[in-house]
Amino acid sequence: MESGPRFRPERLWVGSANGTLSSCSSLEFGCWLEDWKLLESARRFLAEVLRHSESFDPDWDDMAPELVDPDFDDVAMAEAAAALEWPDEL
């Protein structure tokens, strides 16, 4: 006997969202996914994101993420930016 309702997604909205003041001048993207293989891949990806975002402490009830400060390589980023070829006019 099945224990409760089962959820099977039929559509998924995938897109970007800019909630900042400059959003009116931004180009946003969005589309509906209805392909079952893409939906299943998106479901698995989201489950992995949630799994990795949870604390290892089973009694943890804080909704704040456990973030770490990134170790930026400013010299490498400056070198990569200098190597970019920009068009004369945008």
PDB file of N, CA and C in Angstrom:
ATOM      1  N   MET A   1       0.838  -1.177   0.000  1.00  0.00           N
ATOM      2  CA  MET A   1       0.000   0.000   0.000  1.00  0.00           C
ATOM      3  C   MET A   1       0.880   1.237   0.000  1.00  0.00           C
ATOM      4  N   GLU A   2       0.544   2.200  -0.812  1.00  0.00           N
ATOM      5  CA  GLU A   2       1.313   3.422  -0.934  1.00  0.00           C
ATOM      6  C   GLU A   2       1.066   4.331   0.256  1.00  0.00           C
ATOM      7  N   SER A   3       2.119   4.974   0.754  1.00  0.00           N
ATOM      8  CA  SER A   3       1.979   5.819   1.941  1.00  0.00           C
ATOM      9  C   SER A   3       1.913   7.292   1.550  1.00  0.00           C
ATOM     10  N   GLY A   4       0.757   7.777   1.193  1.00  0.00           N
ATOM     11  CA  GLY A   4       0.573   9.195   0.881  1.00  0.00           C
ATOM     12  C   GLY A   4       0.713   9.493  -0.596  1.00  0.00           C
ATOM     13  N   PRO A   5       0.394  10.725  -0.951  1.00  0.00           N
ATOM     14  CA  PRO A   5       0.457  11.115  -2.366  1.00  0.00           C
ATOM     15  C   PRO A   5       1.894  11.209  -2.856  1.00  0.00           C
ATOM     16  N   ARG A   6       2.077  10.899  -4.132  1.00  0.00           N
ATOM     17  CA  ARG A   6       3.400  10.998  -4.737  1.00  0.00           C
ATOM     18  C   ARG A   6       3.407  12.208  -5.655  1.00  0.00           C
ATOM     19  N   PHE A   7       4.533  12.879  -5.712  1.00  0.00           N
ATOM     20  CA  PHE A   7       4.666  14.081  -6.522  1.00  0.00           C
ATOM     21  C   PHE A   7       5.463  13.764  -7.776  1.00  0.00           C
ATOM     22  N   ARG A   8       4.903  14.106  -8.914  1.00  0.00           N
ATOM     23  CA  ARG A   8       5.615  13.954 -10.184  1.00  0.00           C
ATOM     24  C   ARG A   8       5.491  15.271 -10.938  1.00  0.00           C
ATOM     25  N   PRO A   9       6.592  16.011 -11.062  1.00  0.00           N
ATOM     26  CA  PRO A   9       6.510  17.311 -11.736  1.00  0.00           C
ATOM     27  C   PRO A   9       6.149  17.146 -13.209  1.00  0.00           C
ATOM     28  N   GLU A  10       5.382  18.106 -13.714  1.00  0.00           N
ATOM     29  CA  GLU A  10       5.019  18.100 -15.121  1.00  0.00           C
ATOM     30  C   GLU A  10       5.641  19.260 -15.874  1.00  0.00           C
ATOM     31  N   ARG A  11       5.880  20.367 -15.168  1.00  0.00           N
ATOM     32  CA  ARG A  11       6.517  21.533 -15.773  1.00  0.00           C
ATOM     33  C   ARG A  11       7.410  22.203 -14.737  1.00  0.00           C
ATOM     34  N   LEU A  12       8.467  22.854 -15.223  1.00  0.00           N
ATOM     35  CA  LEU A  12       9.378  23.568 -14.344  1.00  0.00           C
ATOM     36  C   LEU A  12       9.768  24.874 -15.006  1.00  0.00           C
ATOM     37  N   TRP A  13       9.615  25.994 -14.280  1.00  0.00           N
ATOM     38  CA  TRP A  13      10.050  27.292 -14.772  1.00  0.00           C
ATOM     39  C   TRP A  13      11.535  27.435 -14.451  1.00  0.00           C
ATOM     40  N   VAL A  14      12.320  27.707 -15.466  1.00  0.00           N
ATOM     41  CA  VAL A  14      13.746  27.935 -15.302  1.00  0.00           C
ATOM     42  C   VAL A  14      14.018  29.338 -15.821  1.00  0.00           C
ATOM     43  N   GLY A  15      14.626  30.151 -14.992  1.00  0.00           N
ATOM     44  CA  GLY A  15      14.900  31.504 -15.448  1.00  0.00           C
ATOM     45  C   GLY A  15      15.746  32.270 -14.471  1.00  0.00           C
ATOM     46  N   SER A  16      16.031  33.491 -14.856  1.00  0.00           N
ATOM     47  CA  SER A  16      16.789  34.380 -13.997  1.00  0.00           C
ATOM     48  C   SER A  16      15.836  35.414 -13.423  1.00  0.00           C
ATOM     49  N   ALA A  17      16.214  35.968 -12.313  1.00  0.00           N
ATOM     50  CA  ALA A  17      15.406  37.009 -11.694  1.00  0.00           C
ATOM     51  C   ALA A  17      16.340  38.024 -11.060  1.00  0.00           C
ATOM     52  N   ASN A  18      16.107  39.271 -11.345  1.00  0.00           N
ATOM     53  CA  ASN A  18      16.917  40.346 -10.799  1.00  0.00           C
ATOM     54  C   ASN A  18      16.007  41.198  -9.930  1.00  0.00           C
ATOM     55  N   GLY A  19      16.199  41.121  -8.634  1.00  0.00           N
ATOM     56  CA  GLY A  19      15.367  41.880  -7.705  1.00  0.00           C
ATOM     57  C   GLY A  19      15.981  43.197  -7.293  1.00  0.00           C
ATOM     58  N   THR A  20      16.988  43.652  -8.011  1.00  0.00           N
ATOM     59  CA  THR A  20      17.658  44.898  -7.645  1.00  0.00           C
ATOM     60  C   THR A  20      16.999  46.089  -8.315  1.00  0.00           C
ATOM     61  N   LEU A  21      17.411  47.274  -7.912  1.00  0.00           N
ATOM     62  CA  LEU A  21      16.866  48.507  -8.471  1.00  0.00           C
ATOM     63  C   LEU A  21      17.133  48.617  -9.968  1.00  0.00           C
ATOM     64  N   SER A  22      18.249  48.047 -10.424  1.00  0.00           N
ATOM     65  CA  SER A  22      18.607  48.147 -11.846  1.00  0.00           C
ATOM     66  C   SER A  22      17.906  47.100 -12.719  1.00  0.00           C
ATOM     67  N   SER A  23      16.951  46.365 -12.169  1.00  0.00           N
ATOM     68  CA  SER A  23      16.319  45.281 -12.931  1.00  0.00           C
ATOM     69  C   SER A  23      15.571  45.766 -14.166  1.00  0.00           C
ATOM     70  N   CYS A  24      15.102  46.997 -14.154  1.00  0.00           N
ATOM     71  CA  CYS A  24      14.367  47.515 -15.319  1.00  0.00           C
ATOM     72  C   CYS A  24      15.261  47.645 -16.541  1.00  0.00           C
ATOM     73  N   SER A  25      16.557  47.741 -16.350  1.00  0.00           N
ATOM     74  CA  SER A  25      17.463  47.869 -17.486  1.00  0.00           C
ATOM     75  C   SER A  25      18.176  46.558 -17.805  1.00  0.00           C
ATOM     76  N   SER A  26      17.712  45.468 -17.235  1.00  0.00           N
ATOM     77  CA  SER A  26      18.346  44.167 -17.447  1.00  0.00           C
ATOM     78  C   SER A  26      17.544  43.327 -18.423  1.00  0.00           C
ATOM     79  N   LEU A  27      18.219  42.428 -19.093  1.00  0.00           N
ATOM     80  CA  LEU A  27      17.571  41.445 -19.948  1.00  0.00           C
ATOM     81  C   LEU A  27      17.462  40.161 -19.146  1.00  0.00           C
ATOM     82  N   GLU A  28      16.265  39.683 -18.957  1.00  0.00           N
ATOM     83  CA  GLU A  28      16.050  38.464 -18.178  1.00  0.00           C
ATOM     84  C   GLU A  28      15.734  37.311 -19.121  1.00  0.00           C
ATOM     85  N   PHE A  29      15.843  36.099 -18.600  1.00  0.00           N
ATOM     86  CA  PHE A  29      15.627  34.889 -19.389  1.00  0.00           C
ATOM     87  C   PHE A  29      14.712  33.961 -18.617  1.00  0.00           C
ATOM     88  N   GLY A  30      13.857  33.267 -19.327  1.00  0.00           N
ATOM     89  CA  GLY A  30      13.034  32.260 -18.684  1.00  0.00           C
ATOM     90  C   GLY A  30      12.386  31.343 -19.699  1.00  0.00           C
ATOM     91  N   CYS A  31      12.113  30.110 -19.280  1.00  0.00           N
ATOM     92  CA  CYS A  31      11.401  29.174 -20.137  1.00  0.00           C
ATOM     93  C   CYS A  31      10.783  28.075 -19.278  1.00  0.00           C
ATOM     94  N   TRP A  32       9.750  27.458 -19.801  1.00  0.00           N
ATOM     95  CA  TRP A  32       9.123  26.315 -19.151  1.00  0.00           C
ATOM     96  C   TRP A  32       9.756  25.046 -19.682  1.00  0.00           C
ATOM     97  N   LEU A  33      10.118  24.134 -18.793  1.00  0.00           N
ATOM     98  CA  LEU A  33      10.590  22.812 -19.193  1.00  0.00           C
ATOM     99  C   LEU A  33       9.441  21.831 -19.039  1.00  0.00           C
ATOM    100  N   GLU A  34       9.208  21.029 -20.053  1.00  0.00           N
ATOM    101  CA  GLU A  34       8.188  19.993 -19.968  1.00  0.00           C
ATOM    102  C   GLU A  34       8.738  18.622 -20.320  1.00  0.00           C
ATOM    103  N   ASP A  35       9.981  18.570 -20.770  1.00  0.00           N
ATOM    104  CA  ASP A  35      10.612  17.306 -21.127  1.00  0.00           C
ATOM    105  C   ASP A  35      10.916  16.516 -19.853  1.00  0.00           C
ATOM    106  N   TRP A  36      10.458  15.267 -19.789  1.00  0.00           N
ATOM    107  CA  TRP A  36      10.595  14.474 -18.565  1.00  0.00           C
ATOM    108  C   TRP A  36      12.046  14.292 -18.150  1.00  0.00           C
ATOM    109  N   LYS A  37      12.951  14.047 -19.108  1.00  0.00           N
ATOM    110  CA  LYS A  37      14.357  13.837 -18.760  1.00  0.00           C
ATOM    111  C   LYS A  37      14.957  15.103 -18.134  1.00  0.00           C
ATOM    112  N   LEU A  38      14.624  16.268 -18.701  1.00  0.00           N
ATOM    113  CA  LEU A  38      15.119  17.523 -18.126  1.00  0.00           C
ATOM    114  C   LEU A  38      14.526  17.769 -16.746  1.00  0.00           C
ATOM    115  N   LEU A  39      13.238  17.473 -16.599  1.00  0.00           N
ATOM    116  CA  LEU A  39      12.598  17.647 -15.294  1.00  0.00           C
ATOM    117  C   LEU A  39      13.245  16.756 -14.241  1.00  0.00           C
ATOM    118  N   GLU A  40      13.508  15.521 -14.589  1.00  0.00           N
ATOM    119  CA  GLU A  40      14.127  14.593 -13.635  1.00  0.00           C
ATOM    120  C   GLU A  40      15.539  15.042 -13.281  1.00  0.00           C
ATOM    121  N   SER A  41      16.287  15.521 -14.266  1.00  0.00           N
ATOM    122  CA  SER A  41      17.636  16.033 -14.000  1.00  0.00           C
ATOM    123  C   SER A  41      17.573  17.260 -13.091  1.00  0.00           C
ATOM    124  N   ALA A  42      16.631  18.154 -13.338  1.00  0.00           N
ATOM    125  CA  ALA A  42      16.482  19.347 -12.500  1.00  0.00           C
ATOM    126  C   ALA A  42      16.085  18.956 -11.077  1.00  0.00           C
ATOM    127  N   ARG A  43      15.208  17.963 -10.939  1.00  0.00           N
ATOM    128  CA  ARG A  43      14.793  17.507  -9.614  1.00  0.00           C
ATOM    129  C   ARG A  43      15.975  16.936  -8.843  1.00  0.00           C
ATOM    130  N   ARG A  44      16.779  16.106  -9.524  1.00  0.00           N
ATOM    131  CA  ARG A  44      17.959  15.531  -8.875  1.00  0.00           C
ATOM    132  C   ARG A  44      18.961  16.617  -8.487  1.00  0.00           C
ATOM    133  N   PHE A  45      19.161  17.596  -9.384  1.00  0.00           N
ATOM    134  CA  PHE A  45      20.085  18.688  -9.095  1.00  0.00           C
ATOM    135  C   PHE A  45      19.622  19.475  -7.870  1.00  0.00           C
ATOM    136  N   LEU A  46      18.336  19.811  -7.808  1.00  0.00           N
ATOM    137  CA  LEU A  46      17.814  20.558  -6.676  1.00  0.00           C
ATOM    138  C   LEU A  46      17.945  19.755  -5.382  1.00  0.00           C
ATOM    139  N   ALA A  47      17.685  18.470  -5.445  1.00  0.00           N
ATOM    140  CA  ALA A  47      17.841  17.625  -4.257  1.00  0.00           C
ATOM    141  C   ALA A  47      19.290  17.622  -3.782  1.00  0.00           C
ATOM    142  N   GLU A  48      20.238  17.597  -4.715  1.00  0.00           N
ATOM    143  CA  GLU A  48      21.656  17.645  -4.342  1.00  0.00           C
ATOM    144  C   GLU A  48      22.026  18.991  -3.720  1.00  0.00           C
ATOM    145  N   VAL A  49      21.518  20.076  -4.302  1.00  0.00           N
ATOM    146  CA  VAL A  49      21.784  21.405  -3.740  1.00  0.00           C
ATOM    147  C   VAL A  49      21.269  21.474  -2.309  1.00  0.00           C
ATOM    148  N   LEU A  50      20.047  21.002  -2.097  1.00  0.00           N
ATOM    149  CA  LEU A  50      19.476  21.027  -0.749  1.00  0.00           C
ATOM    150  C   LEU A  50      20.254  20.124   0.194  1.00  0.00           C
ATOM    151  N   ARG A  51      20.663  18.959  -0.293  1.00  0.00           N
ATOM    152  CA  ARG A  51      21.407  18.030   0.554  1.00  0.00           C
ATOM    153  C   ARG A  51      22.727  18.647   1.003  1.00  0.00           C
ATOM    154  N   HIS A  52      23.408  19.331   0.098  1.00  0.00           N
ATOM    155  CA  HIS A  52      24.698  19.923   0.436  1.00  0.00           C
ATOM    156  C   HIS A  52      24.558  21.214   1.235  1.00  0.00           C
ATOM    157  N   SER A  53      23.369  21.799   1.252  1.00  0.00           N
ATOM    158  CA  SER A  53      23.188  23.048   1.993  1.00  0.00           C
ATOM    159  C   SER A  53      22.773  22.795   3.434  1.00  0.00           C
ATOM    160  N   GLU A  54      22.437  21.570   3.751  1.00  0.00           N
ATOM    161  CA  GLU A  54      22.008  21.236   5.114  1.00  0.00           C
ATOM    162  C   GLU A  54      23.200  21.012   6.019  1.00  0.00           C
ATOM    163  N   SER A  55      23.043  21.357   7.268  1.00  0.00           N
ATOM    164  CA  SER A  55      24.092  21.168   8.255  1.00  0.00           C
ATOM    165  C   SER A  55      24.241  19.680   8.582  1.00  0.00           C
ATOM    166  N   PHE A  56      25.426  19.304   9.021  1.00  0.00           N
ATOM    167  CA  PHE A  56      25.648  17.922   9.442  1.00  0.00           C
ATOM    168  C   PHE A  56      25.059  17.650  10.817  1.00  0.00           C
ATOM    169  N   ASP A  57      24.761  18.721  11.568  1.00  0.00           N
ATOM    170  CA  ASP A  57      24.194  18.598  12.910  1.00  0.00           C
ATOM    171  C   ASP A  57      22.694  18.301  12.808  1.00  0.00           C
ATOM    172  N   PRO A  58      22.238  17.124  13.255  1.00  0.00           N
ATOM    173  CA  PRO A  58      20.821  16.785  13.117  1.00  0.00           C
ATOM    174  C   PRO A  58      19.904  17.685  13.942  1.00  0.00           C
ATOM    175  N   ASP A  59      20.427  18.372  14.947  1.00  0.00           N
ATOM    176  CA  ASP A  59      19.606  19.256  15.769  1.00  0.00           C
ATOM    177  C   ASP A  59      19.668  20.706  15.300  1.00  0.00           C
ATOM    178  N   TRP A  60      20.316  20.957  14.190  1.00  0.00           N
ATOM    179  CA  TRP A  60      20.494  22.299  13.662  1.00  0.00           C
ATOM    180  C   TRP A  60      19.149  22.845  13.205  1.00  0.00           C
ATOM    181  N   ASP A  61      18.778  24.031  13.681  1.00  0.00           N
ATOM    182  CA  ASP A  61      17.510  24.619  13.258  1.00  0.00           C
ATOM    183  C   ASP A  61      17.677  26.065  12.810  1.00  0.00           C
ATOM    184  N   ASP A  62      18.895  26.460  12.484  1.00  0.00           N
ATOM    185  CA  ASP A  62      19.171  27.814  12.015  1.00  0.00           C
ATOM    186  C   ASP A  62      19.048  27.827  10.493  1.00  0.00           C
ATOM    187  N   MET A  63      18.273  28.772   9.966  1.00  0.00           N
ATOM    188  CA  MET A  63      18.069  28.841   8.523  1.00  0.00           C
ATOM    189  C   MET A  63      19.196  29.587   7.811  1.00  0.00           C
ATOM    190  N   ALA A  64      20.145  30.152   8.554  1.00  0.00           N
ATOM    191  CA  ALA A  64      21.255  30.872   7.924  1.00  0.00           C
ATOM    192  C   ALA A  64      22.250  29.870   7.344  1.00  0.00           C
ATOM    193  N   PRO A  65      22.676  30.079   6.095  1.00  0.00           N
ATOM    194  CA  PRO A  65      23.639  29.140   5.505  1.00  0.00           C
ATOM    195  C   PRO A  65      24.997  29.251   6.180  1.00  0.00           C
ATOM    196  N   GLU A  66      25.724  28.164   6.161  1.00  0.00           N
ATOM    197  CA  GLU A  66      27.071  28.133   6.726  1.00  0.00           C
ATOM    198  C   GLU A  66      28.049  28.473   5.598  1.00  0.00           C
ATOM    199  N   LEU A  67      28.275  29.769   5.404  1.00  0.00           N
ATOM    200  CA  LEU A  67      29.106  30.225   4.297  1.00  0.00           C
ATOM    201  C   LEU A  67      30.549  30.405   4.738  1.00  0.00           C
ATOM    202  N   VAL A  68      31.443  30.293   3.779  1.00  0.00           N
ATOM    203  CA  VAL A  68      32.856  30.558   4.032  1.00  0.00           C
ATOM    204  C   VAL A  68      33.292  31.687   3.098  1.00  0.00           C
ATOM    205  N   ASP A  69      34.292  32.436   3.515  1.00  0.00           N
ATOM    206  CA  ASP A  69      34.820  33.496   2.661  1.00  0.00           C
ATOM    207  C   ASP A  69      35.647  32.872   1.547  1.00  0.00           C
ATOM    208  N   PRO A  70      35.401  33.290   0.290  1.00  0.00           N
ATOM    209  CA  PRO A  70      36.183  32.737  -0.822  1.00  0.00           C
ATOM    210  C   PRO A  70      37.604  33.277  -0.801  1.00  0.00           C
ATOM    211  N   ASP A  71      38.512  32.513  -1.336  1.00  0.00           N
ATOM    212  CA  ASP A  71      39.908  32.915  -1.456  1.00  0.00           C
ATOM    213  C   ASP A  71      40.123  33.361  -2.902  1.00  0.00           C
ATOM    214  N   PHE A  72      39.911  34.660  -3.151  1.00  0.00           N
ATOM    215  CA  PHE A  72      40.028  35.194  -4.504  1.00  0.00           C
ATOM    216  C   PHE A  72      41.492  35.322  -4.906  1.00  0.00           C
ATOM    217  N   ASP A  73      41.776  35.020  -6.154  1.00  0.00           N
ATOM    218  CA  ASP A  73      43.113  35.216  -6.709  1.00  0.00           C
ATOM    219  C   ASP A  73      43.047  36.461  -7.588  1.00  0.00           C
ATOM    220  N   ASP A  74      43.224  37.638  -6.960  1.00  0.00           N
ATOM    221  CA  ASP A  74      43.078  38.904  -7.669  1.00  0.00           C
ATOM    222  C   ASP A  74      44.071  39.056  -8.815  1.00  0.00           C
ATOM    223  N   VAL A  75      45.277  38.557  -8.646  1.00  0.00           N
ATOM    224  CA  VAL A  75      46.292  38.666  -9.702  1.00  0.00           C
ATOM    225  C   VAL A  75      45.858  37.864 -10.928  1.00  0.00           C
ATOM    226  N   ALA A  76      45.402  36.641 -10.722  1.00  0.00           N
ATOM    227  CA  ALA A  76      44.955  35.804 -11.840  1.00  0.00           C
ATOM    228  C   ALA A  76      43.736  36.415 -12.531  1.00  0.00           C
ATOM    229  N   MET A  77      42.822  36.993 -11.758  1.00  0.00           N
ATOM    230  CA  MET A  77      41.637  37.622 -12.356  1.00  0.00           C
ATOM    231  C   MET A  77      42.035  38.847 -13.183  1.00  0.00           C
ATOM    232  N   ALA A  78      42.981  39.650 -12.689  1.00  0.00           N
ATOM    233  CA  ALA A  78      43.445  40.819 -13.434  1.00  0.00           C
ATOM    234  C   ALA A  78      44.124  40.396 -14.734  1.00  0.00           C
ATOM    235  N   GLU A  79      44.924  39.331 -14.676  1.00  0.00           N
ATOM    236  CA  GLU A  79      45.580  38.827 -15.884  1.00  0.00           C
ATOM    237  C   GLU A  79      44.558  38.326 -16.894  1.00  0.00           C
ATOM    238  N   ALA A  80      43.538  37.605 -16.422  1.00  0.00           N
ATOM    239  CA  ALA A  80      42.499  37.094 -17.324  1.00  0.00           C
ATOM    240  C   ALA A  80      41.714  38.242 -17.946  1.00  0.00           C
ATOM    241  N   ALA A  81      41.407  39.269 -17.175  1.00  0.00           N
ATOM    242  CA  ALA A  81      40.664  40.426 -17.702  1.00  0.00           C
ATOM    243  C   ALA A  81      41.499  41.172 -18.733  1.00  0.00           C
ATOM    244  N   ALA A  82      42.805  41.296 -18.481  1.00  0.00           N
ATOM    245  CA  ALA A  82      43.683  41.990 -19.423  1.00  0.00           C
ATOM    246  C   ALA A  82      43.801  41.226 -20.740  1.00  0.00           C
ATOM    247  N   ALA A  83      43.651  39.919 -20.693  1.00  0.00           N
ATOM    248  CA  ALA A  83      43.771  39.087 -21.896  1.00  0.00           C
ATOM    249  C   ALA A  83      42.509  39.091 -22.746  1.00  0.00           C
ATOM    250  N   LEU A  84      41.403  39.612 -22.211  1.00  0.00           N
ATOM    251  CA  LEU A  84      40.153  39.640 -22.975  1.00  0.00           C
ATOM    252  C   LEU A  84      40.252  40.630 -24.119  1.00  0.00           C
ATOM    253  N   GLU A  85      39.667  40.285 -25.240  1.00  0.00           N
ATOM    254  CA  GLU A  85      39.635  41.189 -26.386  1.00  0.00           C
ATOM    255  C   GLU A  85      38.236  41.782 -26.488  1.00  0.00           C
ATOM    256  N   TRP A  86      38.133  43.072 -26.277  1.00  0.00           N
ATOM    257  CA  TRP A  86      36.856  43.761 -26.307  1.00  0.00           C
ATOM    258  C   TRP A  86      36.659  44.408 -27.686  1.00  0.00           C
ATOM    259  N   PRO A  87      35.422  44.409 -28.173  1.00  0.00           N
ATOM    260  CA  PRO A  87      35.163  45.098 -29.451  1.00  0.00           C
ATOM    261  C   PRO A  87      35.353  46.605 -29.257  1.00  0.00           C
ATOM    262  N   ASP A  88      35.646  47.288 -30.366  1.00  0.00           N
ATOM    263  CA  ASP A  88      35.849  48.732 -30.296  1.00  0.00           C
ATOM    264  C   ASP A  88      34.590  49.450 -29.835  1.00  0.00           C
ATOM    265  N   GLU A  89      33.425  48.957 -30.278  1.00  0.00           N
ATOM    266  CA  GLU A  89      32.148  49.560 -29.876  1.00  0.00           C
ATOM    267  C   GLU A  89      31.235  48.480 -29.336  1.00  0.00           C
ATOM    268  N   LEU A  90      30.545  48.811 -28.272  1.00  0.00           N
ATOM    269  CA  LEU A  90      29.591  47.852 -27.698  1.00  0.00           C
ATOM    270  C   LEU A  90      28.216  48.121 -28.203  1.00  0.00           C
TER     271      LEU A  90
END
